[in-house]
Amino acid sequence: MRNVQKKVLEAQKNEEKELAEAQVVVTSTELERLKKELAEKTALADEYLSRLKYLQADFENYKKMVAREREMYEMCATEELIKRLLPIIDALEAGFASAKQCEDLMSFVKGIELLYQDLMAVLGKEGLKPIKAVGEKFDPYKHEVTMTVINDDHPEDTILEELERGYMLGAKVIRTSKVAVSKKAAPRRHTTQNSSDY
């Protein structure tokens, strides 16, 4: 009986060994298939990730473009409002100049000056600022020469007078200052007379 049991055990071991070898063959084939499938899925995932990054970058660029366009639209709307208000500012400034000559109107003038200061404060909050002119060197981006004055006391192209104030909205010039600038006198020619001219 022991021989029979031994043979049965050996037969079982042989079957298990054959089964294990068959499984290794199947497993190795299966492993190759799975590796190939994994490589395909990984490539597909990489492609999707690449597309996602591209779309995300496109969307970020789109958001920036929309923000810039909105900012430009708002700036244009503000600019148009301020351009319409500039003649009022000019009229107030002219009124101050003429009314100050009449002393009985000083309280009126002070009231108008307060109104002017309030208006300029409101516009200043919108980004409007006057362009500095008198005493500055002429800058064609900010100033427009309407008059030249012969003046040897100041360097050439120094602004001596502001005839109409210019304004900037943020960093953009929306109206140049109309100015008078200094010019040096032309050098005089020294003529020498020949003794033969006498």
N, C-alpha and C. Protein backbone atom coordinates (compact mmCIF):
# COMPACT_ATOMS: atom_id res chain seq x y z
N MET A 1 0.81 -1.18 0.00
CA MET A 1 0.00 0.00 0.00
C MET A 1 0.86 1.26 0.00
N ARG A 2 1.96 1.09 0.61
CA ARG A 2 2.86 2.23 0.62
C ARG A 2 3.35 2.53 -0.77
N ASN A 3 3.59 1.55 -1.56
CA ASN A 3 4.02 1.78 -2.94
C ASN A 3 2.94 2.49 -3.73
N VAL A 4 1.75 2.14 -3.47
CA VAL A 4 0.63 2.76 -4.19
C VAL A 4 0.54 4.23 -3.78
N GLN A 5 0.67 4.45 -2.49
CA GLN A 5 0.61 5.84 -2.02
C GLN A 5 1.76 6.64 -2.59
N LYS A 6 2.93 5.97 -2.64
CA LYS A 6 4.09 6.65 -3.19
C LYS A 6 3.85 7.01 -4.65
N LYS A 7 3.30 6.10 -5.39
CA LYS A 7 3.04 6.33 -6.81
C LYS A 7 2.00 7.42 -6.99
N VAL A 8 1.01 7.40 -6.13
CA VAL A 8 -0.05 8.43 -6.21
C VAL A 8 0.56 9.80 -5.91
N LEU A 9 1.41 9.83 -4.88
CA LEU A 9 2.06 11.10 -4.52
C LEU A 9 2.96 11.58 -5.66
N GLU A 10 3.71 10.68 -6.25
CA GLU A 10 4.58 11.05 -7.36
C GLU A 10 3.77 11.53 -8.55
N ALA A 11 2.66 10.84 -8.79
CA ALA A 11 1.78 11.24 -9.89
C ALA A 11 1.22 12.64 -9.64
N GLN A 12 0.84 12.89 -8.37
CA GLN A 12 0.32 14.22 -8.03
C GLN A 12 1.40 15.29 -8.21
N LYS A 13 2.61 14.97 -7.77
CA LYS A 13 3.71 15.93 -7.90
C LYS A 13 4.00 16.21 -9.37
N ASN A 14 3.99 15.16 -10.18
CA ASN A 14 4.24 15.35 -11.62
C ASN A 14 3.15 16.22 -12.25
N GLU A 15 1.91 15.95 -11.84
CA GLU A 15 0.80 16.76 -12.37
C GLU A 15 0.95 18.22 -11.97
N GLU A 16 1.31 18.44 -10.70
CA GLU A 16 1.49 19.81 -10.20
C GLU A 16 2.64 20.50 -10.94
N LYS A 17 3.72 19.73 -11.18
CA LYS A 17 4.87 20.28 -11.88
C LYS A 17 4.48 20.66 -13.30
N GLU A 18 3.76 19.78 -14.00
CA GLU A 18 3.33 20.06 -15.37
C GLU A 18 2.37 21.24 -15.41
N LEU A 19 1.49 21.27 -14.40
CA LEU A 19 0.54 22.38 -14.31
C LEU A 19 1.28 23.69 -14.08
N ALA A 20 2.28 23.69 -13.21
CA ALA A 20 3.07 24.89 -12.92
C ALA A 20 3.82 25.34 -14.16
N GLU A 21 4.41 24.39 -14.91
CA GLU A 21 5.12 24.74 -16.13
C GLU A 21 4.17 25.32 -17.17
N ALA A 22 2.99 24.73 -17.26
CA ALA A 22 1.99 25.25 -18.20
C ALA A 22 1.55 26.65 -17.80
N GLN A 23 1.41 26.84 -16.47
CA GLN A 23 1.02 28.17 -15.99
C GLN A 23 2.11 29.19 -16.28
N VAL A 24 3.38 28.80 -16.14
CA VAL A 24 4.49 29.70 -16.43
C VAL A 24 4.44 30.10 -17.89
N VAL A 25 4.20 29.15 -18.79
CA VAL A 25 4.11 29.46 -20.22
C VAL A 25 2.95 30.40 -20.47
N VAL A 26 1.80 30.08 -19.88
CA VAL A 26 0.62 30.93 -20.05
C VAL A 26 0.88 32.29 -19.42
N THR A 27 1.47 32.29 -18.25
CA THR A 27 1.74 33.53 -17.53
C THR A 27 2.72 34.39 -18.31
N SER A 28 3.73 33.81 -18.88
CA SER A 28 4.71 34.57 -19.65
C SER A 28 4.06 35.19 -20.88
N THR A 29 3.20 34.45 -21.57
CA THR A 29 2.47 34.99 -22.72
C THR A 29 1.52 36.09 -22.27
N GLU A 30 0.85 35.80 -21.17
CA GLU A 30 -0.10 36.78 -20.62
C GLU A 30 0.65 38.04 -20.20
N LEU A 31 1.82 37.85 -19.61
CA LEU A 31 2.64 38.98 -19.16
C LEU A 31 3.04 39.86 -20.34
N GLU A 32 3.44 39.26 -21.43
CA GLU A 32 3.80 40.02 -22.63
C GLU A 32 2.61 40.82 -23.14
N ARG A 33 1.45 40.15 -23.17
CA ARG A 33 0.23 40.84 -23.62
C ARG A 33 -0.10 42.01 -22.70
N LEU A 34 0.02 41.78 -21.39
CA LEU A 34 -0.29 42.84 -20.42
C LEU A 34 0.71 44.00 -20.53
N LYS A 35 1.98 43.67 -20.75
CA LYS A 35 3.00 44.72 -20.93
C LYS A 35 2.67 45.58 -22.14
N LYS A 36 2.29 44.90 -23.24
CA LYS A 36 1.95 45.62 -24.46
C LYS A 36 0.73 46.50 -24.23
N GLU A 37 -0.27 45.95 -23.55
CA GLU A 37 -1.49 46.71 -23.26
C GLU A 37 -1.18 47.91 -22.35
N LEU A 38 -0.31 47.69 -21.36
CA LEU A 38 0.09 48.77 -20.46
C LEU A 38 0.80 49.88 -21.23
N ALA A 39 1.69 49.49 -22.14
CA ALA A 39 2.41 50.48 -22.94
C ALA A 39 1.44 51.31 -23.78
N GLU A 40 0.45 50.63 -24.38
CA GLU A 40 -0.55 51.35 -25.18
C GLU A 40 -1.35 52.32 -24.32
N LYS A 41 -1.77 51.83 -23.15
CA LYS A 41 -2.58 52.67 -22.24
C LYS A 41 -1.74 53.85 -21.72
N THR A 42 -0.47 53.60 -21.43
CA THR A 42 0.42 54.67 -20.96
C THR A 42 0.61 55.73 -22.04
N ALA A 43 0.80 55.27 -23.28
CA ALA A 43 0.95 56.22 -24.40
C ALA A 43 -0.32 57.04 -24.57
N LEU A 44 -1.47 56.39 -24.45
CA LEU A 44 -2.75 57.09 -24.57
C LEU A 44 -2.92 58.11 -23.43
N ALA A 45 -2.55 57.70 -22.21
CA ALA A 45 -2.64 58.61 -21.06
C ALA A 45 -1.71 59.81 -21.24
N ASP A 46 -0.49 59.56 -21.75
CA ASP A 46 0.46 60.65 -22.01
C ASP A 46 -0.10 61.62 -23.05
N GLU A 47 -0.73 61.07 -24.08
CA GLU A 47 -1.33 61.92 -25.12
C GLU A 47 -2.44 62.78 -24.52
N TYR A 48 -3.30 62.16 -23.70
CA TYR A 48 -4.39 62.92 -23.06
C TYR A 48 -3.83 64.00 -22.13
N LEU A 49 -2.77 63.66 -21.40
CA LEU A 49 -2.15 64.63 -20.49
C LEU A 49 -1.56 65.80 -21.28
N SER A 50 -0.93 65.49 -22.39
CA SER A 50 -0.36 66.53 -23.25
C SER A 50 -1.46 67.45 -23.78
N ARG A 51 -2.55 66.85 -24.24
CA ARG A 51 -3.69 67.64 -24.74
C ARG A 51 -4.27 68.51 -23.62
N LEU A 52 -4.38 67.92 -22.44
CA LEU A 52 -4.93 68.66 -21.29
C LEU A 52 -4.06 69.86 -20.96
N LYS A 53 -2.74 69.67 -20.94
CA LYS A 53 -1.82 70.78 -20.65
C LYS A 53 -1.95 71.86 -21.72
N TYR A 54 -2.05 71.46 -22.98
CA TYR A 54 -2.20 72.41 -24.08
C TYR A 54 -3.50 73.20 -23.92
N LEU A 55 -4.60 72.50 -23.62
CA LEU A 55 -5.88 73.18 -23.43
C LEU A 55 -5.85 74.10 -22.22
N GLN A 56 -5.18 73.66 -21.18
CA GLN A 56 -5.07 74.49 -19.98
C GLN A 56 -4.28 75.76 -20.29
N ALA A 57 -3.19 75.64 -21.02
CA ALA A 57 -2.39 76.82 -21.41
C ALA A 57 -3.21 77.74 -22.30
N ASP A 58 -3.96 77.16 -23.25
CA ASP A 58 -4.83 77.96 -24.12
C ASP A 58 -5.86 78.72 -23.30
N PHE A 59 -6.45 78.05 -22.32
CA PHE A 59 -7.47 78.69 -21.49
C PHE A 59 -6.86 79.83 -20.66
N GLU A 60 -5.66 79.62 -20.13
CA GLU A 60 -4.99 80.69 -19.37
C GLU A 60 -4.70 81.88 -20.27
N ASN A 61 -4.24 81.63 -21.49
CA ASN A 61 -4.00 82.72 -22.45
C ASN A 61 -5.29 83.44 -22.79
N TYR A 62 -6.36 82.69 -22.95
CA TYR A 62 -7.67 83.28 -23.24
C TYR A 62 -8.12 84.18 -22.09
N LYS A 63 -7.95 83.71 -20.85
CA LYS A 63 -8.34 84.53 -19.70
C LYS A 63 -7.54 85.83 -19.66
N LYS A 64 -6.24 85.74 -19.94
CA LYS A 64 -5.39 86.95 -19.94
C LYS A 64 -5.83 87.90 -21.04
N MET A 65 -6.15 87.36 -22.22
CA MET A 65 -6.58 88.19 -23.34
C MET A 65 -7.89 88.91 -22.99
N VAL A 66 -8.83 88.18 -22.40
CA VAL A 66 -10.12 88.78 -22.02
C VAL A 66 -9.90 89.87 -20.97
N ALA A 67 -9.01 89.62 -20.01
CA ALA A 67 -8.73 90.62 -18.98
C ALA A 67 -8.11 91.87 -19.59
N ARG A 68 -7.18 91.70 -20.56
CA ARG A 68 -6.57 92.86 -21.24
C ARG A 68 -7.62 93.63 -22.02
N GLU A 69 -8.47 92.91 -22.74
CA GLU A 69 -9.52 93.58 -23.52
C GLU A 69 -10.48 94.34 -22.61
N ARG A 70 -10.83 93.74 -21.49
CA ARG A 70 -11.73 94.42 -20.54
C ARG A 70 -11.06 95.69 -20.00
N GLU A 71 -9.78 95.57 -19.67
CA GLU A 71 -9.04 96.72 -19.15
C GLU A 71 -8.97 97.83 -20.20
N MET A 72 -8.71 97.45 -21.46
CA MET A 72 -8.66 98.45 -22.54
C MET A 72 -10.03 99.10 -22.74
N TYR A 73 -11.09 98.31 -22.68
CA TYR A 73 -12.44 98.85 -22.84
C TYR A 73 -12.74 99.85 -21.73
N GLU A 74 -12.42 99.48 -20.50
CA GLU A 74 -12.66 100.38 -19.37
C GLU A 74 -11.83 101.64 -19.51
N MET A 75 -10.58 101.50 -19.94
CA MET A 75 -9.70 102.67 -20.11
C MET A 75 -10.26 103.58 -21.19
N CYS A 76 -10.74 103.01 -22.29
CA CYS A 76 -11.32 103.82 -23.37
C CYS A 76 -12.56 104.55 -22.90
N ALA A 77 -13.41 103.87 -22.13
CA ALA A 77 -14.62 104.51 -21.63
C ALA A 77 -14.27 105.66 -20.70
N THR A 78 -13.31 105.44 -19.82
CA THR A 78 -12.86 106.49 -18.90
C THR A 78 -12.23 107.63 -19.68
N GLU A 79 -11.44 107.29 -20.68
CA GLU A 79 -10.77 108.31 -21.49
C GLU A 79 -11.79 109.21 -22.17
N GLU A 80 -12.82 108.62 -22.73
CA GLU A 80 -13.84 109.42 -23.41
C GLU A 80 -14.55 110.36 -22.44
N LEU A 81 -14.85 109.89 -21.24
CA LEU A 81 -15.47 110.73 -20.22
C LEU A 81 -14.56 111.91 -19.88
N ILE A 82 -13.32 111.61 -19.64
CA ILE A 82 -12.38 112.66 -19.25
C ILE A 82 -12.18 113.65 -20.39
N LYS A 83 -12.11 113.19 -21.62
CA LYS A 83 -11.97 114.11 -22.75
C LYS A 83 -13.15 115.08 -22.81
N ARG A 84 -14.34 114.60 -22.47
CA ARG A 84 -15.52 115.48 -22.47
C ARG A 84 -15.47 116.49 -21.33
N LEU A 85 -14.80 116.13 -20.24
CA LEU A 85 -14.70 117.03 -19.10
C LEU A 85 -13.57 118.06 -19.22
N LEU A 86 -12.61 117.82 -20.08
CA LEU A 86 -11.46 118.73 -20.20
C LEU A 86 -11.87 120.16 -20.56
N PRO A 87 -12.81 120.39 -21.48
CA PRO A 87 -13.21 121.77 -21.75
C PRO A 87 -13.80 122.47 -20.52
N ILE A 88 -14.47 121.71 -19.66
CA ILE A 88 -15.01 122.30 -18.43
C ILE A 88 -13.87 122.74 -17.53
N ILE A 89 -12.87 121.91 -17.42
CA ILE A 89 -11.70 122.27 -16.62
C ILE A 89 -11.05 123.52 -17.19
N ASP A 90 -10.92 123.58 -18.51
CA ASP A 90 -10.33 124.75 -19.15
C ASP A 90 -11.14 126.01 -18.85
N ALA A 91 -12.46 125.90 -18.93
CA ALA A 91 -13.33 127.05 -18.67
C ALA A 91 -13.21 127.50 -17.22
N LEU A 92 -13.15 126.56 -16.30
CA LEU A 92 -12.97 126.91 -14.89
C LEU A 92 -11.64 127.63 -14.68
N GLU A 93 -10.59 127.13 -15.29
CA GLU A 93 -9.27 127.76 -15.15
C GLU A 93 -9.29 129.17 -15.71
N ALA A 94 -9.92 129.36 -16.86
CA ALA A 94 -10.01 130.70 -17.45
C ALA A 94 -10.85 131.62 -16.56
N GLY A 95 -11.93 131.09 -15.99
CA GLY A 95 -12.77 131.88 -15.09
C GLY A 95 -12.01 132.31 -13.85
N PHE A 96 -11.17 131.44 -13.31
CA PHE A 96 -10.37 131.81 -12.14
C PHE A 96 -9.47 132.99 -12.47
N ALA A 97 -8.82 132.90 -13.62
CA ALA A 97 -7.86 133.94 -14.00
C ALA A 97 -8.53 135.30 -14.11
N SER A 98 -9.69 135.36 -14.74
CA SER A 98 -10.35 136.66 -14.92
C SER A 98 -11.07 137.13 -13.65
N ALA A 99 -11.64 136.23 -12.88
CA ALA A 99 -12.39 136.62 -11.68
C ALA A 99 -11.47 137.09 -10.56
N LYS A 100 -10.24 136.61 -10.52
CA LYS A 100 -9.31 137.03 -9.46
C LYS A 100 -8.95 138.50 -9.57
N GLN A 101 -9.16 139.10 -10.71
CA GLN A 101 -8.85 140.52 -10.89
C GLN A 101 -9.90 141.40 -10.22
N CYS A 102 -11.07 140.88 -9.97
CA CYS A 102 -12.14 141.62 -9.29
C CYS A 102 -12.18 141.16 -7.84
N GLU A 103 -11.82 142.06 -6.90
CA GLU A 103 -11.72 141.66 -5.50
C GLU A 103 -13.07 141.36 -4.86
N ASP A 104 -14.13 141.98 -5.32
CA ASP A 104 -15.43 141.73 -4.71
C ASP A 104 -15.96 140.33 -5.05
N LEU A 105 -15.35 139.69 -5.98
CA LEU A 105 -15.78 138.35 -6.36
C LEU A 105 -14.92 137.25 -5.73
N MET A 106 -14.06 137.62 -4.77
CA MET A 106 -13.13 136.64 -4.23
C MET A 106 -13.82 135.44 -3.57
N SER A 107 -14.94 135.67 -2.89
CA SER A 107 -15.62 134.53 -2.27
C SER A 107 -16.18 133.60 -3.35
N PHE A 108 -16.66 134.19 -4.45
CA PHE A 108 -17.13 133.39 -5.58
C PHE A 108 -15.99 132.57 -6.16
N VAL A 109 -14.88 133.22 -6.31
CA VAL A 109 -13.71 132.55 -6.88
C VAL A 109 -13.28 131.40 -5.98
N LYS A 110 -13.28 131.63 -4.67
CA LYS A 110 -12.87 130.56 -3.75
C LYS A 110 -13.82 129.37 -3.86
N GLY A 111 -15.11 129.65 -4.01
CA GLY A 111 -16.07 128.56 -4.19
C GLY A 111 -15.82 127.78 -5.46
N ILE A 112 -15.55 128.50 -6.52
CA ILE A 112 -15.25 127.84 -7.80
C ILE A 112 -13.96 127.03 -7.68
N GLU A 113 -12.97 127.59 -6.98
CA GLU A 113 -11.71 126.86 -6.80
C GLU A 113 -11.94 125.55 -6.05
N LEU A 114 -12.80 125.59 -5.03
CA LEU A 114 -13.12 124.36 -4.30
C LEU A 114 -13.80 123.35 -5.22
N LEU A 115 -14.71 123.84 -6.06
CA LEU A 115 -15.37 122.97 -7.03
C LEU A 115 -14.35 122.35 -7.98
N TYR A 116 -13.45 123.17 -8.44
CA TYR A 116 -12.39 122.70 -9.34
C TYR A 116 -11.53 121.63 -8.65
N GLN A 117 -11.15 121.88 -7.39
CA GLN A 117 -10.33 120.91 -6.65
C GLN A 117 -11.08 119.59 -6.48
N ASP A 118 -12.38 119.68 -6.20
CA ASP A 118 -13.18 118.46 -6.06
C ASP A 118 -13.24 117.69 -7.37
N LEU A 119 -13.47 118.42 -8.45
CA LEU A 119 -13.54 117.79 -9.77
C LEU A 119 -12.22 117.11 -10.11
N MET A 120 -11.11 117.81 -9.86
CA MET A 120 -9.80 117.25 -10.16
C MET A 120 -9.50 116.03 -9.27
N ALA A 121 -9.99 116.06 -8.04
CA ALA A 121 -9.79 114.91 -7.14
C ALA A 121 -10.53 113.69 -7.68
N VAL A 122 -11.77 113.91 -8.14
CA VAL A 122 -12.55 112.80 -8.71
C VAL A 122 -11.85 112.24 -9.95
N LEU A 123 -11.43 113.12 -10.82
CA LEU A 123 -10.77 112.67 -12.04
C LEU A 123 -9.41 112.04 -11.72
N GLY A 124 -8.75 112.54 -10.69
CA GLY A 124 -7.47 111.96 -10.27
C GLY A 124 -7.65 110.52 -9.83
N LYS A 125 -8.76 110.22 -9.17
CA LYS A 125 -9.04 108.85 -8.75
C LYS A 125 -9.28 107.94 -9.95
N GLU A 126 -9.71 108.52 -11.06
CA GLU A 126 -9.91 107.75 -12.30
C GLU A 126 -8.60 107.57 -13.06
N GLY A 127 -7.52 108.22 -12.57
CA GLY A 127 -6.22 108.06 -13.22
C GLY A 127 -5.74 109.28 -13.98
N LEU A 128 -6.51 110.38 -13.96
CA LEU A 128 -6.11 111.60 -14.68
C LEU A 128 -5.08 112.35 -13.86
N LYS A 129 -4.02 112.79 -14.53
CA LYS A 129 -3.04 113.64 -13.87
C LYS A 129 -2.53 114.67 -14.86
N PRO A 130 -2.34 115.92 -14.39
CA PRO A 130 -1.83 116.96 -15.28
C PRO A 130 -0.37 116.69 -15.62
N ILE A 131 0.01 117.09 -16.82
CA ILE A 131 1.40 116.95 -17.25
C ILE A 131 2.17 118.16 -16.75
N LYS A 132 3.29 117.90 -16.10
CA LYS A 132 4.14 118.98 -15.62
C LYS A 132 4.79 119.63 -16.83
N ALA A 133 4.80 120.96 -16.86
CA ALA A 133 5.32 121.62 -18.06
C ALA A 133 6.34 122.71 -17.74
N VAL A 134 5.92 123.78 -17.07
CA VAL A 134 6.79 124.95 -16.87
C VAL A 134 8.07 124.54 -16.14
N GLY A 135 9.21 124.93 -16.75
CA GLY A 135 10.51 124.61 -16.18
C GLY A 135 11.07 123.28 -16.66
N GLU A 136 10.25 122.47 -17.29
CA GLU A 136 10.68 121.16 -17.79
C GLU A 136 11.31 121.31 -19.18
N LYS A 137 12.09 120.31 -19.57
CA LYS A 137 12.62 120.28 -20.93
C LYS A 137 11.50 119.78 -21.85
N PHE A 138 11.40 120.37 -23.01
CA PHE A 138 10.37 120.00 -23.99
C PHE A 138 10.46 118.51 -24.30
N ASP A 139 9.31 117.85 -24.26
CA ASP A 139 9.19 116.42 -24.58
C ASP A 139 8.06 116.30 -25.61
N PRO A 140 8.36 115.96 -26.86
CA PRO A 140 7.32 115.94 -27.90
C PRO A 140 6.21 114.93 -27.61
N TYR A 141 6.45 113.98 -26.75
CA TYR A 141 5.41 113.02 -26.38
C TYR A 141 4.37 113.67 -25.48
N LYS A 142 4.79 114.65 -24.67
CA LYS A 142 3.89 115.27 -23.70
C LYS A 142 3.54 116.72 -24.02
N HIS A 143 4.35 117.38 -24.83
CA HIS A 143 4.17 118.81 -25.05
C HIS A 143 4.04 119.13 -26.54
N GLU A 144 3.30 120.20 -26.83
CA GLU A 144 3.16 120.70 -28.19
C GLU A 144 3.60 122.16 -28.18
N VAL A 145 4.62 122.47 -28.97
CA VAL A 145 5.13 123.85 -29.02
C VAL A 145 4.18 124.70 -29.85
N THR A 146 3.66 125.75 -29.24
CA THR A 146 2.81 126.69 -29.98
C THR A 146 3.50 128.03 -30.13
N MET A 147 4.61 128.21 -29.39
CA MET A 147 5.32 129.48 -29.46
C MET A 147 6.76 129.26 -29.00
N THR A 148 7.70 129.98 -29.62
CA THR A 148 9.08 129.97 -29.14
C THR A 148 9.43 131.38 -28.70
N VAL A 149 10.25 131.46 -27.65
CA VAL A 149 10.63 132.75 -27.08
C VAL A 149 12.15 132.79 -27.03
N ILE A 150 12.73 133.87 -27.55
CA ILE A 150 14.18 134.04 -27.47
C ILE A 150 14.50 134.34 -26.01
N ASN A 151 15.32 133.49 -25.40
CA ASN A 151 15.62 133.64 -23.98
C ASN A 151 16.95 132.97 -23.72
N ASP A 152 17.95 133.78 -23.36
CA ASP A 152 19.27 133.24 -23.07
C ASP A 152 19.44 132.87 -21.60
N ASP A 153 18.42 133.15 -20.77
CA ASP A 153 18.50 132.85 -19.33
C ASP A 153 18.21 131.38 -19.02
N HIS A 154 17.59 130.67 -19.94
CA HIS A 154 17.22 129.27 -19.74
C HIS A 154 17.85 128.42 -20.84
N PRO A 155 18.11 127.15 -20.54
CA PRO A 155 18.61 126.26 -21.60
C PRO A 155 17.59 126.17 -22.74
N GLU A 156 18.09 125.92 -23.92
CA GLU A 156 17.21 125.81 -25.08
C GLU A 156 16.21 124.67 -24.87
N ASP A 157 14.99 124.89 -25.37
CA ASP A 157 13.88 123.93 -25.28
C ASP A 157 13.34 123.77 -23.85
N THR A 158 13.61 124.74 -22.99
CA THR A 158 12.98 124.75 -21.66
C THR A 158 11.60 125.37 -21.81
N ILE A 159 10.61 124.78 -21.17
CA ILE A 159 9.24 125.31 -21.25
C ILE A 159 9.13 126.51 -20.33
N LEU A 160 8.80 127.66 -20.92
CA LEU A 160 8.69 128.91 -20.16
C LEU A 160 7.26 129.18 -19.72
N GLU A 161 6.30 128.74 -20.54
CA GLU A 161 4.90 129.04 -20.23
C GLU A 161 4.03 127.90 -20.73
N GLU A 162 2.99 127.63 -19.96
CA GLU A 162 2.01 126.62 -20.36
C GLU A 162 0.77 127.36 -20.83
N LEU A 163 0.44 127.23 -22.11
CA LEU A 163 -0.70 127.94 -22.67
C LEU A 163 -1.99 127.13 -22.50
N GLU A 164 -1.87 125.81 -22.51
CA GLU A 164 -3.01 124.94 -22.24
C GLU A 164 -2.46 123.67 -21.60
N ARG A 165 -3.01 123.31 -20.46
CA ARG A 165 -2.51 122.17 -19.71
C ARG A 165 -2.79 120.86 -20.45
N GLY A 166 -1.83 119.97 -20.38
CA GLY A 166 -1.99 118.63 -20.95
C GLY A 166 -2.28 117.63 -19.84
N TYR A 167 -2.80 116.48 -20.22
CA TYR A 167 -3.19 115.48 -19.22
C TYR A 167 -2.79 114.08 -19.66
N MET A 168 -2.56 113.25 -18.64
CA MET A 168 -2.29 111.83 -18.85
C MET A 168 -3.37 111.04 -18.13
N LEU A 169 -3.75 109.93 -18.72
CA LEU A 169 -4.66 108.99 -18.08
C LEU A 169 -3.85 107.73 -17.86
N GLY A 170 -3.46 107.50 -16.62
CA GLY A 170 -2.52 106.43 -16.33
C GLY A 170 -1.19 106.80 -16.96
N ALA A 171 -0.66 105.95 -17.81
CA ALA A 171 0.62 106.21 -18.48
C ALA A 171 0.42 106.76 -19.89
N LYS A 172 -0.83 107.00 -20.30
CA LYS A 172 -1.12 107.43 -21.67
C LYS A 172 -1.41 108.93 -21.72
N VAL A 173 -0.74 109.63 -22.63
CA VAL A 173 -1.03 111.05 -22.84
C VAL A 173 -2.33 111.14 -23.62
N ILE A 174 -3.33 111.83 -23.04
CA ILE A 174 -4.60 111.97 -23.75
C ILE A 174 -4.74 113.38 -24.34
N ARG A 175 -3.93 114.32 -23.84
CA ARG A 175 -3.85 115.64 -24.46
C ARG A 175 -2.50 116.23 -24.11
N THR A 176 -1.78 116.67 -25.13
CA THR A 176 -0.48 117.28 -24.89
C THR A 176 -0.65 118.69 -24.35
N SER A 177 0.36 119.15 -23.59
CA SER A 177 0.37 120.53 -23.11
C SER A 177 0.79 121.43 -24.26
N LYS A 178 0.08 122.55 -24.43
CA LYS A 178 0.48 123.55 -25.42
C LYS A 178 1.38 124.52 -24.69
N VAL A 179 2.62 124.66 -25.19
CA VAL A 179 3.64 125.38 -24.43
C VAL A 179 4.43 126.36 -25.28
N ALA A 180 5.07 127.30 -24.56
CA ALA A 180 6.04 128.21 -25.16
C ALA A 180 7.41 127.75 -24.66
N VAL A 181 8.35 127.58 -25.58
CA VAL A 181 9.69 127.10 -25.20
C VAL A 181 10.74 128.14 -25.52
N SER A 182 11.86 128.03 -24.79
CA SER A 182 12.96 128.98 -24.99
C SER A 182 13.83 128.55 -26.16
N LYS A 183 14.33 129.56 -26.83
CA LYS A 183 15.32 129.35 -27.89
C LYS A 183 16.44 130.35 -27.64
N LYS A 184 17.62 129.95 -27.92
CA LYS A 184 18.77 130.86 -27.79
C LYS A 184 18.75 131.84 -28.95
N ALA A 185 19.23 133.03 -28.66
CA ALA A 185 19.34 134.03 -29.72
C ALA A 185 20.38 133.55 -30.72
N ALA A 186 20.14 133.85 -31.97
CA ALA A 186 21.09 133.45 -33.00
C ALA A 186 22.39 134.22 -32.77
N PRO A 187 23.52 133.56 -32.91
CA PRO A 187 24.78 134.26 -32.70
C PRO A 187 24.94 135.37 -33.73
N ARG A 188 25.42 136.49 -33.25
CA ARG A 188 25.61 137.62 -34.17
C ARG A 188 26.87 137.40 -34.97
N ARG A 189 26.76 137.78 -36.19
CA ARG A 189 27.94 137.67 -37.06
C ARG A 189 28.79 138.91 -36.87
N HIS A 190 30.03 138.68 -36.62
CA HIS A 190 30.97 139.81 -36.50
C HIS A 190 31.56 140.04 -37.88
N THR A 191 31.30 141.19 -38.39
CA THR A 191 31.86 141.50 -39.71
C THR A 191 33.04 142.42 -39.51
N THR A 192 34.06 142.12 -40.17
CA THR A 192 35.25 142.98 -40.11
C THR A 192 35.31 143.76 -41.41
N GLN A 193 35.60 144.98 -41.24
CA GLN A 193 35.69 145.82 -42.44
C GLN A 193 37.14 145.89 -42.89
N ASN A 194 37.29 145.76 -44.14
CA ASN A 194 38.64 145.88 -44.71
C ASN A 194 39.03 147.35 -44.74
N SER A 195 40.28 147.58 -44.61
CA SER A 195 40.77 148.96 -44.66
C SER A 195 40.51 149.58 -46.02
N SER A 196 40.30 148.74 -47.00
CA SER A 196 40.04 149.27 -48.34
C SER A 196 38.63 149.83 -48.45
N ASP A 197 37.73 149.43 -47.45
CA ASP A 197 36.36 149.93 -47.49
C ASP A 197 36.29 151.37 -47.04
N TYR A 198 37.31 151.89 -46.40
CA TYR A 198 37.29 153.26 -45.92
C TYR A 198 37.49 154.22 -47.00
